[in-house]
Protein backbone atom coordinates (compact mmCIF):
# COMPACT_ATOMS: atom_id res chain seq x y z
CA MET A 1 85.27 32.59 89.95
CA GLN A 2 87.65 33.21 87.52
CA THR A 3 91.10 32.37 87.74
CA PRO A 4 92.88 34.76 90.44
CA ASP A 5 95.90 36.51 89.25
CA LEU A 6 97.08 36.32 92.96
CA SER A 7 97.07 33.89 96.02
CA LEU A 8 96.87 35.46 99.17
CA VAL A 9 97.63 32.26 101.74
CA ILE A 10 97.62 33.25 105.85
CA PRO A 11 97.99 30.55 108.13
CA MET A 12 95.73 30.59 110.89
CA HIS A 13 96.10 29.36 114.75
CA ASN A 14 93.88 30.54 117.66
CA GLU A 15 93.03 33.96 115.87
CA GLU A 16 88.96 33.99 116.12
CA GLN A 17 89.61 37.61 117.73
CA ASN A 18 91.43 39.12 114.42
CA VAL A 19 89.48 37.05 111.73
CA GLN A 20 87.00 39.39 111.11
CA LEU A 21 89.02 42.60 111.10
CA LEU A 22 91.36 40.84 108.98
CA VAL A 23 89.27 39.56 106.70
CA GLU A 24 88.06 43.23 105.73
CA GLU A 25 91.15 44.71 105.57
CA ILE A 26 92.48 41.98 102.96
CA GLY A 27 89.16 42.63 101.09
CA THR A 28 89.96 46.48 100.98
CA ALA A 29 93.65 46.21 100.07
CA LEU A 30 92.94 43.64 97.38
CA ALA A 31 89.84 45.57 95.97
CA GLY A 32 91.02 46.02 92.47
CA LEU A 33 93.16 42.87 91.78
CA CYS A 34 91.29 39.88 90.75
CA ALA A 35 92.70 37.69 93.96
CA GLU A 36 91.79 34.64 96.26
CA PHE A 37 92.20 34.37 100.28
CA ILE A 38 93.04 30.88 101.40
CA LEU A 39 92.72 30.95 104.74
CA VAL A 40 94.57 27.77 106.51
CA ASP A 41 93.34 26.99 110.18
CA ASP A 42 96.35 25.22 111.87
CA GLY A 43 94.25 22.92 113.78
CA SER A 44 92.90 25.88 116.02
CA THR A 45 90.67 25.01 119.46
CA ASP A 46 89.14 28.36 120.11
CA GLY A 47 86.31 29.81 117.52
CA THR A 48 88.90 30.66 114.37
CA LEU A 49 87.61 27.97 112.35
CA ASP A 50 83.85 29.32 112.66
CA GLN A 51 84.92 32.65 112.37
CA LEU A 52 86.39 31.94 109.11
CA ARG A 53 83.25 29.85 107.85
CA GLN A 54 81.19 32.86 108.89
CA ALA A 55 83.47 34.99 106.75
CA ALA A 56 83.41 32.85 103.45
CA ARG A 57 79.49 32.88 103.42
CA GLY A 58 80.17 36.87 102.65
CA ASP A 59 82.99 36.83 100.53
CA GLN A 60 83.45 34.57 97.71
CA ARG A 61 87.37 35.27 97.11
CA ILE A 62 87.65 33.35 100.61
CA ARG A 63 88.99 29.37 100.56
CA ILE A 64 89.19 27.76 103.49
CA ALA A 65 91.55 24.80 104.53
CA HIS A 66 91.68 23.46 108.36
CA PHE A 67 94.19 20.82 109.51
CA ARG A 68 92.48 17.91 112.29
CA ARG A 69 95.44 19.23 114.81
CA ASN A 70 97.93 22.00 115.08
CA LEU A 71 100.73 21.11 112.48
CA GLY A 72 102.60 24.57 112.53
CA GLN A 73 103.45 27.41 110.18
CA THR A 74 105.53 25.43 107.85
CA ALA A 75 102.18 22.90 107.16
CA ALA A 76 99.93 25.51 106.60
CA MET A 77 102.13 27.59 104.30
CA ALA A 78 102.57 24.33 101.97
CA ALA A 79 98.86 23.71 101.75
CA GLY A 80 98.07 26.82 101.43
CA PHE A 81 100.70 26.26 97.83
CA HIS A 82 99.57 23.38 96.96
CA LEU A 83 95.68 25.23 96.80
CA ALA A 84 97.30 28.10 94.96
CA ARG A 85 95.95 28.84 91.43
CA GLY A 86 97.27 32.54 91.40
CA GLU A 87 100.67 32.97 89.52
CA ALA A 88 101.60 35.51 91.97
CA VAL A 89 101.38 33.96 95.76
CA VAL A 90 101.67 36.17 98.81
CA THR A 91 101.85 34.68 102.26
CA LEU A 92 100.97 37.37 105.04
CA ASP A 93 100.45 36.68 109.03
CA GLY A 94 96.88 35.94 110.63
CA ASP A 95 97.45 38.06 113.71
CA LEU A 96 97.25 41.30 111.75
CA GLN A 97 101.02 42.46 112.35
CA ASN A 98 101.69 42.28 108.64
CA ASP A 99 99.86 45.61 107.04
CA PRO A 100 97.64 44.04 103.88
CA ALA A 101 98.05 47.51 102.05
CA ASP A 102 101.93 46.58 101.13
CA VAL A 103 100.73 43.76 99.33
CA PRO A 104 100.05 45.17 95.75
CA ALA A 105 103.58 46.67 95.72
CA LEU A 106 105.06 43.29 96.70
CA VAL A 107 102.96 41.48 93.78
CA ALA A 108 103.98 44.50 91.37
CA LEU A 109 107.71 43.63 91.92
CA LEU A 110 107.48 39.99 90.94
CA LYS A 111 107.49 41.55 87.24
CA GLU A 112 111.38 41.93 87.68
CA TRP A 113 112.07 39.32 90.74
CA ASP A 114 110.89 35.65 91.37
CA VAL A 115 111.08 36.33 95.55
CA VAL A 116 110.27 39.67 97.06
CA CYS A 117 110.89 39.21 101.03
CA GLY A 118 109.49 41.94 103.56
CA VAL A 119 111.93 43.58 105.69
CA ARG A 120 109.49 44.70 108.96
CA VAL A 121 110.67 48.84 110.08
CA ASN A 122 109.92 50.42 113.55
CA ARG A 123 109.15 46.91 114.64
CA ARG A 124 106.08 46.52 117.18
CA ASP A 125 107.56 43.65 119.09
CA THR A 126 108.77 43.40 122.71
CA TRP A 127 112.91 44.35 123.29
CA LEU A 128 113.43 40.58 124.09
CA LYS A 129 111.83 39.85 120.50
CA ARG A 130 113.75 42.41 118.74
CA ILE A 131 117.07 41.30 119.93
CA SER A 132 116.54 37.68 119.82
CA SER A 133 115.47 38.06 116.17
CA LYS A 134 118.51 40.21 115.30
CA ILE A 135 120.66 37.62 116.45
CA ALA A 136 118.94 34.61 114.75
CA ASN A 137 119.14 36.10 111.45
CA GLY A 138 122.89 37.09 111.77
CA PHE A 139 123.52 33.41 112.65
CA ARG A 140 121.46 32.04 109.67
CA ASN A 141 123.43 34.59 107.01
CA TRP A 142 126.42 33.52 108.53
CA ALA A 143 125.82 29.94 108.60
CA THR A 144 124.27 29.97 104.96
CA GLY A 145 126.13 32.90 103.72
CA ASP A 146 122.97 34.64 102.54
CA ASP A 147 121.83 38.27 103.05
CA ILE A 148 118.31 37.81 104.15
CA VAL A 149 117.78 40.70 106.29
CA ASP A 150 114.33 39.39 108.13
CA THR A 151 113.37 36.07 107.87
CA GLY A 152 110.86 35.78 110.21
CA CYS A 153 108.88 38.53 108.09
CA THR A 154 105.71 36.45 106.62
CA LEU A 155 104.63 38.82 104.28
CA LYS A 156 106.30 37.74 100.81
CA ALA A 157 105.90 37.35 97.64
CA PHE A 158 106.29 34.29 95.25
CA ARG A 159 105.70 33.31 91.57
CA ARG A 160 104.04 30.49 91.86
CA GLN A 161 106.27 28.64 89.61
CA TRP A 162 109.03 28.32 92.00
CA LEU A 163 106.23 26.96 94.65
CA GLN A 164 105.98 23.84 93.01
CA ASN A 165 107.42 20.81 93.75
CA LEU A 166 108.94 22.28 96.92
CA ASP A 167 109.62 19.74 99.87
CA LEU A 168 108.86 21.63 103.03
CA TYR A 169 109.71 20.46 106.25
CA ARG A 170 108.81 21.90 109.68
CA GLY A 171 110.46 25.08 110.39
CA MET A 172 111.19 25.40 107.01
CA HIS A 173 109.38 28.44 105.85
CA ARG A 174 112.13 30.69 107.46
CA PHE A 175 114.29 29.85 104.96
CA LEU A 176 111.98 29.89 101.96
CA PRO A 177 114.33 32.58 100.10
CA THR A 178 117.70 30.40 100.83
CA LEU A 179 116.14 27.31 99.57
CA LEU A 180 114.59 28.91 96.73
CA LYS A 181 117.77 30.77 95.94
CA MET A 182 119.43 27.62 95.61
CA ARG A 183 117.19 26.82 92.82
CA GLY A 184 118.29 30.08 90.90
CA ALA A 185 115.23 32.58 92.06
CA ARG A 186 116.20 35.91 91.75
CA VAL A 187 115.34 37.27 95.22
CA THR A 188 114.88 40.89 96.71
CA GLN A 189 113.89 42.87 100.02
CA VAL A 190 112.20 45.58 100.62
CA PRO A 191 110.45 47.47 104.08
CA VAL A 192 106.60 47.00 105.08
CA ARG A 193 104.94 48.35 107.73
CA HIS A 194 104.48 46.30 111.20
CA ARG A 195 101.81 46.57 113.48
CA PRO A 196 101.28 45.50 117.69
CA ARG A 197 99.53 42.44 117.96
CA ARG A 198 95.86 43.64 118.70
CA ALA A 199 94.11 40.27 119.86
CA GLY A 200 95.23 37.26 120.91
CA LYS A 201 99.01 36.38 121.86
CA THR A 202 101.91 35.18 119.98
CA HIS A 203 102.32 31.43 119.48
CA TYR A 204 105.83 31.20 119.68
CA GLY A 205 108.16 30.98 122.84
CA THR A 206 111.66 33.04 121.57
CA TRP A 207 113.81 30.62 123.58
CA GLY A 208 112.52 27.29 122.35
CA ARG A 209 112.25 29.15 118.88
CA MET A 210 116.07 29.95 118.72
CA VAL A 211 116.74 26.17 120.07
CA LYS A 212 114.67 24.58 117.00
CA GLY A 213 116.40 27.16 114.69
CA LEU A 214 119.56 26.35 115.32
CA GLY A 215 119.00 23.19 114.43
CA ASP A 216 117.22 24.09 110.96
CA VAL A 217 120.12 26.22 109.83
CA TRP A 218 122.38 23.24 109.88
CA ALA A 219 120.05 21.27 107.96
CA VAL A 220 119.81 24.26 105.30
CA ARG A 221 123.01 24.21 105.34
CA TRP A 222 124.18 20.79 104.42
CA MET A 223 121.29 20.86 101.80
CA GLN A 224 123.58 23.99 100.14
CA ARG A 225 126.31 21.54 100.38
CA ASN A 226 125.03 18.62 98.80
CA TYR A 227 122.18 20.23 96.63
CA VAL A 228 122.58 18.55 92.92
CA ASP A 229 121.95 21.62 90.48
CA TYR A 230 122.02 19.05 87.09
CA ALA A 231 119.52 21.55 85.25
CA THR A 232 122.46 24.22 84.48
CA VAL A 233 124.84 21.85 82.77
CA LEU A 234 122.49 19.22 81.29
CA GLU A 235 122.44 18.86 77.90
CA LEU A 236 119.93 16.88 76.08
CA GLU A 237 121.04 15.42 72.40
CA GLU A 238 118.43 14.13 70.29
CA SER A 239 119.64 11.55 67.59
CA GLY A 240 118.32 11.44 64.19
CA VAL A 241 119.71 7.84 63.58
CA ARG A 242 116.54 5.84 64.57
CA SER A 243 114.07 8.31 62.41
CA GLN A 244 116.39 7.91 59.80
CA GLU A 245 115.99 4.30 59.76
CA SER A 246 112.68 4.24 60.37
CA GLU A 247 112.19 6.64 57.00
CA ALA A 248 114.26 3.99 54.95
CA SER A 249 112.59 1.01 56.22
CA SER A 250 108.72 2.87 54.89
CA GLN A 251 110.32 3.09 51.40
């Protein structure tokens, strides 16, 4: 298989009922692109991994990685980023709530931007989840001085160069745009579709996620205040003294 232009990174945890349809949808949506599908099984305890292996036998674009135990979405994404070969990298949820048909439009915007964040419109979640998400987004932006409308939307596109040498810690996947802005990345946001979950169940408890998220916000704020961006002020001077001395001694 030739080196792909696009790497689609999809974390999966106990999504056996969604694997087949997910693979069909991404295959159709990205049929016109040279792409690879990196499906990272995050220590599933159901038949997700078996379903992924079965799907891979019928599609050479699929690459599978799996953890022996559950490590969380950030770890799954970091593993996918490490394996990605495409110059464009797109993250997508494995529960089919993101629409793969939105991916080509996000990739096209990478011609002008380094990061493209999806903003879910007409969200098909419970009212409690929508309200808690709105509160969490508002608090994150207040604390970090950022303007990311929907940090919880997994559908994002990146130029791969910005993901290299990026250290991620548990829960930090929600702050990727903010962390990359610190490094100088150009970030934009676009509306994307959102769909109801068709099978399986959500893996995130609303209140537990909010409590964990509060600590993550302060961690990111500390990073912002203490980040050393030496590259913007670094000037390298090359001295010709040594080379001149070497030339003189050789004469």
